[in-house]
Every structure is written in structure tokens, then in C-alpha cells.
């Protein structure tokens, strides 16, 4: 593996305080990038920055709510002011609400899903592309969506799946819109991963491991680093002709 393939590049990761977002941030930092991690809570972001520093990487934290346009614009400005460019953006911030059939879903949960999972990605894409298209080398964007939505449906998750299907559609459309600007846009759709979001209510990690032996052809959840490495591939020069794809990483669950 080329441990310096992102040297002299600036990477922005939303939702970088935990789970897949943290793994992505640390993976980019380990390969030479200067990383800006964003989220709504300071402490977990600072922990990601500390972990990157202990591994010899460079990272800074920025508080931002992706559902607020002013926050997203400020986030992009911070990356450029601090490091001189925005070369890669990973739109990972997202939430899960639901667990009920559509008819029983609270309107507040629906609006939260739309605000963060859909509008948040749209606002981030706008700000990121507006910066990247001013740069001679453009940039690359990877949206984190889900195997729930375009690829798979599970009872009780319809609203979440709809929000993630919207991200897949945003990815494909924006990819066509902005390839002429020198900006490549793709998505990664993780399935059950080693994060808190894949735990059912009251379920332990051991319980989940037992369940996944039955539910996944792979027999386990994906690690966050496995997802992160897919993101790094799509953001790298090796994927220069990969445009508008939605890379499914779910151990065969959706087959």
C-alpha cells in the first residue's frame, strides 16, 4: 500500500467523531493527508484528532451541523484557510430514526432524517463542489449512504432507507453535473458494520456476532477500516475513471 498517496491533499470528513467517519479520517491521515473532521460535538472530534496525531498524522476539528448551510460553508472555508485547498470530501454525517412501520413513524423523526441525511449531503455537496471547481486539479467527493435504500429494504426502516436512497440519487446526478468541473463524485453503501448503529436495541456485540453468522453470507459485520479503505480507493487517483458509482460493502447481505 502506498502510505503517502494523499500527501499534500486536504480531506474533509463529516461525522468524523466516531464509527466509519473516524476510521475514514484516520485512514486518510495515515496516508499523508491533512484532515478536517467535523461534527456537532467537540469531545469525540478532539479524540479523533488525538488519535491521528499519535499515529503521525495531521488533523483538526471543526464543529458543524451539516443541516445548516452557514456551518457547511464555514467548514469548507476552514479547510481551505488552514491547508490551502479542499481535495477530498467524505460526506459521512448521518442518523438513524425509525424502527416502526411508516404509518407509525413520528413526523419529527422523518424531518430529522431528511434534514441530516439528505439536506445535509446536498448542502455539503454544494459547498464542496463550489470550492473544488475553482482548483486546477478539481477534487473527489465520496458520500456515505447505506445498503438500506437502493439495494435492500427491511421492515421498520423505510424512512431511513428512503433518505439513503435519496443520497444515492444525489450522488449519481451530481456526478454527471460536475464531472465537467473536474470533480468526481461517488458513494459507498455499507451494510452492517462494527458500529453502534448496527446494534439492535439491547443487543451486545456478542449477540450481533451470533446474529450475523446467520444473516450475512460473509458471516460477520464489516470492519470500519474495510469501509474506510473503499472510500480511500474512490478518492484516489486509481479510481480516476470511476464516476457516480455506489459501491456496496455489506458482505453479501443484499444479494
Protein backbone atom coordinates (compact mmCIF):
# COMPACT_ATOMS: atom_id res chain seq x y z
CA UNK A 1 0.00 0.00 0.00
CA UNK A 2 1.22 3.50 -0.83
CA UNK A 3 1.33 5.20 2.56
CA UNK A 4 1.72 8.64 1.02
CA UNK A 5 -0.84 8.63 -1.80
CA UNK A 6 -2.71 11.55 -0.18
CA UNK A 7 0.30 13.65 0.76
CA UNK A 8 -0.25 17.39 0.22
CA UNK A 9 -4.00 16.86 -0.03
CA UNK A 10 -6.69 18.24 2.24
CA UNK A 11 -9.53 15.93 3.22
CA UNK A 12 -12.80 16.90 4.91
CA UNK A 13 -14.78 14.23 6.78
CA UNK A 14 -18.20 15.00 8.25
CA UNK A 15 -19.39 12.87 11.14
CA UNK A 16 -15.73 12.26 11.97
CA UNK A 17 -16.10 11.74 15.70
CA UNK A 18 -16.90 8.03 15.71
CA UNK A 19 -17.54 4.88 13.71
CA UNK A 20 -16.97 4.92 9.98
CA UNK A 21 -16.23 8.65 9.94
CA UNK A 22 -13.43 8.28 12.45
CA UNK A 23 -11.99 5.27 10.61
CA UNK A 24 -12.04 7.22 7.34
CA UNK A 25 -10.35 10.24 8.91
CA UNK A 26 -7.61 8.12 10.48
CA UNK A 27 -7.03 6.19 7.26
CA UNK A 28 -6.54 9.39 5.26
CA UNK A 29 -4.26 10.85 7.93
CA UNK A 30 -2.18 7.66 7.90
CA UNK A 31 -1.64 8.12 4.16
CA UNK A 32 -0.36 11.67 4.41
CA UNK A 33 -3.49 13.83 4.14
CA UNK A 34 -4.27 16.89 6.23
CA UNK A 35 -7.71 16.06 7.61
CA UNK A 36 -10.53 18.28 8.87
CA UNK A 37 -13.03 16.31 10.95
CA UNK A 38 -16.46 17.81 11.53
CA UNK A 39 -19.40 17.04 13.78
CA UNK A 40 -21.79 18.57 16.28
CA UNK A 41 -19.95 17.55 19.47
CA UNK A 42 -16.42 18.67 20.33
CA UNK A 43 -15.13 15.84 22.55
CA UNK A 44 -15.30 12.93 20.07
CA UNK A 45 -13.81 15.10 17.32
CA UNK A 46 -10.90 16.01 19.59
CA UNK A 47 -10.39 12.31 20.27
CA UNK A 48 -10.19 11.60 16.54
CA UNK A 49 -7.64 14.41 16.15
CA UNK A 50 -5.58 12.99 19.03
CA UNK A 51 -5.64 9.50 17.54
CA UNK A 52 -4.49 10.87 14.19
CA UNK A 53 -1.68 12.79 15.87
CA UNK A 54 -0.46 9.79 17.83
CA UNK A 55 -0.25 7.88 14.56
CA UNK A 56 1.84 10.65 13.00
CA UNK A 57 -0.98 12.24 11.01
CA UNK A 58 -2.36 15.76 10.79
CA UNK A 59 -5.97 16.54 11.71
CA UNK A 60 -8.04 19.41 13.07
CA UNK A 61 -11.58 19.50 14.42
CA UNK A 62 -14.41 21.83 13.44
CA UNK A 63 -17.87 21.98 14.99
CA UNK A 64 -20.55 21.96 12.29
CA UNK A 65 -24.16 20.94 11.77
CA UNK A 66 -24.46 19.77 8.17
CA UNK A 67 -28.14 20.71 8.13
CA UNK A 68 -27.12 24.39 8.47
CA UNK A 69 -25.83 26.00 5.28
CA UNK A 70 -23.75 28.58 7.15
CA UNK A 71 -21.99 25.83 9.10
CA UNK A 72 -21.14 23.89 5.95
CA UNK A 73 -19.83 26.97 4.17
CA UNK A 74 -17.68 27.81 7.20
CA UNK A 75 -16.41 24.24 7.28
CA UNK A 76 -15.13 24.40 3.72
CA UNK A 77 -13.55 27.80 4.37
CA UNK A 78 -11.78 26.39 7.42
CA UNK A 79 -10.26 23.58 5.36
CA UNK A 80 -9.05 25.95 2.67
CA UNK A 81 -7.80 28.63 5.06
CA UNK A 82 -5.92 26.10 7.17
CA UNK A 83 -4.45 23.87 4.49
CA UNK A 84 -4.80 25.76 1.19
CA UNK A 85 -7.25 23.56 -0.72
CA UNK A 86 -10.07 21.03 -0.48
CA UNK A 87 -9.07 17.96 -2.44
CA UNK A 88 -11.30 15.26 -0.98
CA UNK A 89 -14.59 15.40 0.92
CA UNK A 90 -16.32 12.49 2.61
CA UNK A 91 -19.94 13.21 3.50
CA UNK A 92 -20.47 10.70 6.26
CA UNK A 93 -22.69 12.50 8.80
CA UNK A 94 -25.99 10.70 9.20
CA UNK A 95 -28.55 9.48 11.71
CA UNK A 96 -30.95 6.59 12.08
CA UNK A 97 -34.53 7.18 13.19
CA UNK A 98 -37.41 4.79 12.97
CA UNK A 99 -37.83 1.20 13.88
CA UNK A 100 -41.56 1.48 13.15
CA UNK A 101 -43.77 0.92 10.12
CA UNK A 102 -44.39 4.00 8.01
CA UNK A 103 -47.84 4.59 9.47
CA UNK A 104 -46.39 4.80 12.99
CA UNK A 105 -43.36 6.95 12.18
CA UNK A 106 -43.32 10.27 14.07
CA UNK A 107 -43.17 13.25 11.74
CA UNK A 108 -40.28 14.64 13.79
CA UNK A 109 -38.19 11.55 13.03
CA UNK A 110 -38.93 11.88 9.30
CA UNK A 111 -37.90 15.52 9.26
CA UNK A 112 -34.71 14.75 11.17
CA UNK A 113 -33.80 12.08 8.62
CA UNK A 114 -34.39 14.49 5.76
CA UNK A 115 -32.55 17.37 7.44
CA UNK A 116 -29.36 15.47 8.22
CA UNK A 117 -29.20 12.56 5.79
CA UNK A 118 -30.48 14.33 2.68
CA UNK A 119 -30.32 18.11 3.05
CA UNK A 120 -27.04 17.77 4.93
CA UNK A 121 -25.48 15.91 2.00
CA UNK A 122 -26.90 18.37 -0.52
CA UNK A 123 -25.56 21.40 1.35
CA UNK A 124 -22.18 19.76 1.75
CA UNK A 125 -22.03 18.84 -1.93
CA UNK A 126 -22.84 22.41 -2.94
CA UNK A 127 -20.15 23.96 -0.78
CA UNK A 128 -17.53 21.36 -1.64
CA UNK A 129 -18.06 21.48 -5.39
CA UNK A 130 -18.07 25.29 -5.42
CA UNK A 131 -14.58 25.19 -3.91
CA UNK A 132 -13.22 22.24 -5.87
CA UNK A 133 -14.22 23.60 -9.26
CA UNK A 134 -12.02 26.66 -8.64
CA UNK A 135 -8.96 24.43 -8.18
CA UNK A 136 -6.74 23.35 -11.08
CA UNK A 137 -6.93 19.69 -10.03
CA UNK A 138 -10.61 19.69 -9.04
CA UNK A 139 -11.37 17.16 -6.34
CA UNK A 140 -13.12 13.96 -5.30
CA UNK A 141 -16.20 13.50 -3.12
CA UNK A 142 -17.47 10.29 -1.53
CA UNK A 143 -20.93 10.16 0.03
CA UNK A 144 -21.64 7.52 2.65
CA UNK A 145 -25.06 6.04 2.07
CA UNK A 146 -26.33 2.54 3.04
CA UNK A 147 -27.25 -0.85 1.71
CA UNK A 148 -30.72 0.03 3.02
CA UNK A 149 -32.45 2.05 0.32
CA UNK A 150 -31.39 1.43 -3.25
CA UNK A 151 -30.07 -2.05 -2.54
CA UNK A 152 -32.26 -3.54 0.18
CA UNK A 153 -35.40 -2.97 2.26
CA UNK A 154 -36.01 -4.12 5.83
CA UNK A 155 -39.36 -3.72 7.63
CA UNK A 156 -39.36 -0.82 10.06
CA UNK A 157 -36.53 1.05 8.33
CA UNK A 158 -38.42 2.52 5.38
CA UNK A 159 -37.92 6.18 6.27
CA UNK A 160 -34.19 5.73 6.83
CA UNK A 161 -33.92 3.71 3.62
CA UNK A 162 -35.72 6.47 1.71
CA UNK A 163 -33.27 9.05 2.99
CA UNK A 164 -30.32 6.92 1.96
CA UNK A 165 -31.82 6.14 -1.45
CA UNK A 166 -32.01 9.90 -1.93
CA UNK A 167 -28.28 10.14 -1.23
CA UNK A 168 -27.61 7.52 -3.90
CA UNK A 169 -29.68 9.57 -6.37
CA UNK A 170 -27.91 12.79 -5.35
CA UNK A 171 -24.59 11.09 -5.91
CA UNK A 172 -25.38 9.93 -9.43
CA UNK A 173 -26.94 13.21 -10.51
CA UNK A 174 -24.25 15.41 -9.01
CA UNK A 175 -21.58 13.19 -10.56
CA UNK A 176 -22.95 13.94 -14.03
CA UNK A 177 -23.46 17.62 -13.24
CA UNK A 178 -19.94 18.25 -12.03
CA UNK A 179 -17.60 15.89 -13.83
CA UNK A 180 -17.01 18.71 -16.36
CA UNK A 181 -15.85 20.81 -13.38
CA UNK A 182 -13.15 18.28 -12.58
CA UNK A 183 -14.99 16.89 -9.55
CA UNK A 184 -15.53 13.14 -9.25
CA UNK A 185 -18.43 12.10 -7.03
CA UNK A 186 -19.13 8.56 -5.85
CA UNK A 187 -20.78 6.78 -2.93
CA UNK A 188 -20.13 3.89 -0.59
CA UNK A 189 -23.05 1.87 0.78
CA UNK A 190 -22.05 -0.03 3.91
CA UNK A 191 -24.19 -2.75 5.34
CA UNK A 192 -23.91 -3.97 8.93
CA UNK A 193 -20.61 -2.61 10.23
CA UNK A 194 -18.76 -2.62 13.54
CA UNK A 195 -20.55 0.49 14.79
CA UNK A 196 -23.25 1.20 17.35
CA UNK A 197 -25.78 1.83 14.57
CA UNK A 198 -25.81 -1.86 13.61
CA UNK A 199 -26.70 -2.98 17.15
CA UNK A 200 -30.38 -3.69 17.74
CA UNK A 201 -31.96 -2.32 20.93
CA UNK A 202 -30.49 -4.17 23.90
CA UNK A 203 -28.13 -6.18 21.72
CA UNK A 204 -24.48 -6.71 22.69
CA UNK A 205 -21.60 -7.03 20.24
CA UNK A 206 -21.51 -10.75 21.02
CA UNK A 207 -25.22 -11.02 20.25
CA UNK A 208 -24.67 -9.22 16.97
CA UNK A 209 -21.81 -11.53 16.04
CA UNK A 210 -24.05 -14.54 16.58
CA UNK A 211 -26.87 -12.98 14.55
CA UNK A 212 -24.58 -12.08 11.66
CA UNK A 213 -23.43 -15.68 11.31
CA UNK A 214 -26.98 -16.41 10.22
CA UNK A 215 -27.87 -13.18 8.38
CA UNK A 216 -24.71 -12.44 6.38
CA UNK A 217 -23.13 -14.67 3.73
CA UNK A 218 -19.80 -13.29 5.00
CA UNK A 219 -20.76 -14.38 8.50
CA UNK A 220 -19.80 -11.15 10.22
CA UNK A 221 -20.12 -7.39 10.12
CA UNK A 222 -17.71 -5.33 8.05
CA UNK A 223 -14.97 -3.58 9.98
CA UNK A 224 -14.90 0.20 9.83
CA UNK A 225 -11.44 0.02 8.28
CA UNK A 226 -12.77 -2.15 5.46
CA UNK A 227 -15.29 0.57 4.66
CA UNK A 228 -12.63 3.25 5.02
CA UNK A 229 -10.33 1.54 2.53
CA UNK A 230 -13.12 1.53 -0.06
CA UNK A 231 -13.58 5.27 0.49
CA UNK A 232 -9.85 5.87 0.03
CA UNK A 233 -9.89 3.91 -3.22
CA UNK A 234 -12.73 6.01 -4.65
CA UNK A 235 -10.95 9.21 -3.61
CA UNK A 236 -7.60 8.11 -5.05
CA UNK A 237 -6.07 8.56 -8.48
CA UNK A 238 -6.52 4.81 -9.01
CA UNK A 239 -10.25 5.50 -9.39
CA UNK A 240 -9.81 8.34 -11.88
CA UNK A 241 -12.43 6.91 -14.25
CA UNK A 242 -14.90 5.84 -11.55
CA UNK A 243 -17.80 8.31 -11.63
CA UNK A 244 -21.22 8.14 -9.99
CA UNK A 245 -20.81 4.62 -8.65
CA UNK A 246 -22.44 3.34 -5.47
CA UNK A 247 -20.05 0.78 -4.03
CA UNK A 248 -21.87 -1.80 -1.92
CA UNK A 249 -19.94 -3.16 1.08
CA UNK A 250 -22.22 -5.47 3.05
CA UNK A 251 -20.77 -8.97 3.00
CA UNK A 252 -23.40 -10.15 0.56
CA UNK A 253 -26.38 -9.26 2.76
CA UNK A 254 -28.18 -7.58 -0.14
CA UNK A 255 -27.75 -10.45 -2.58
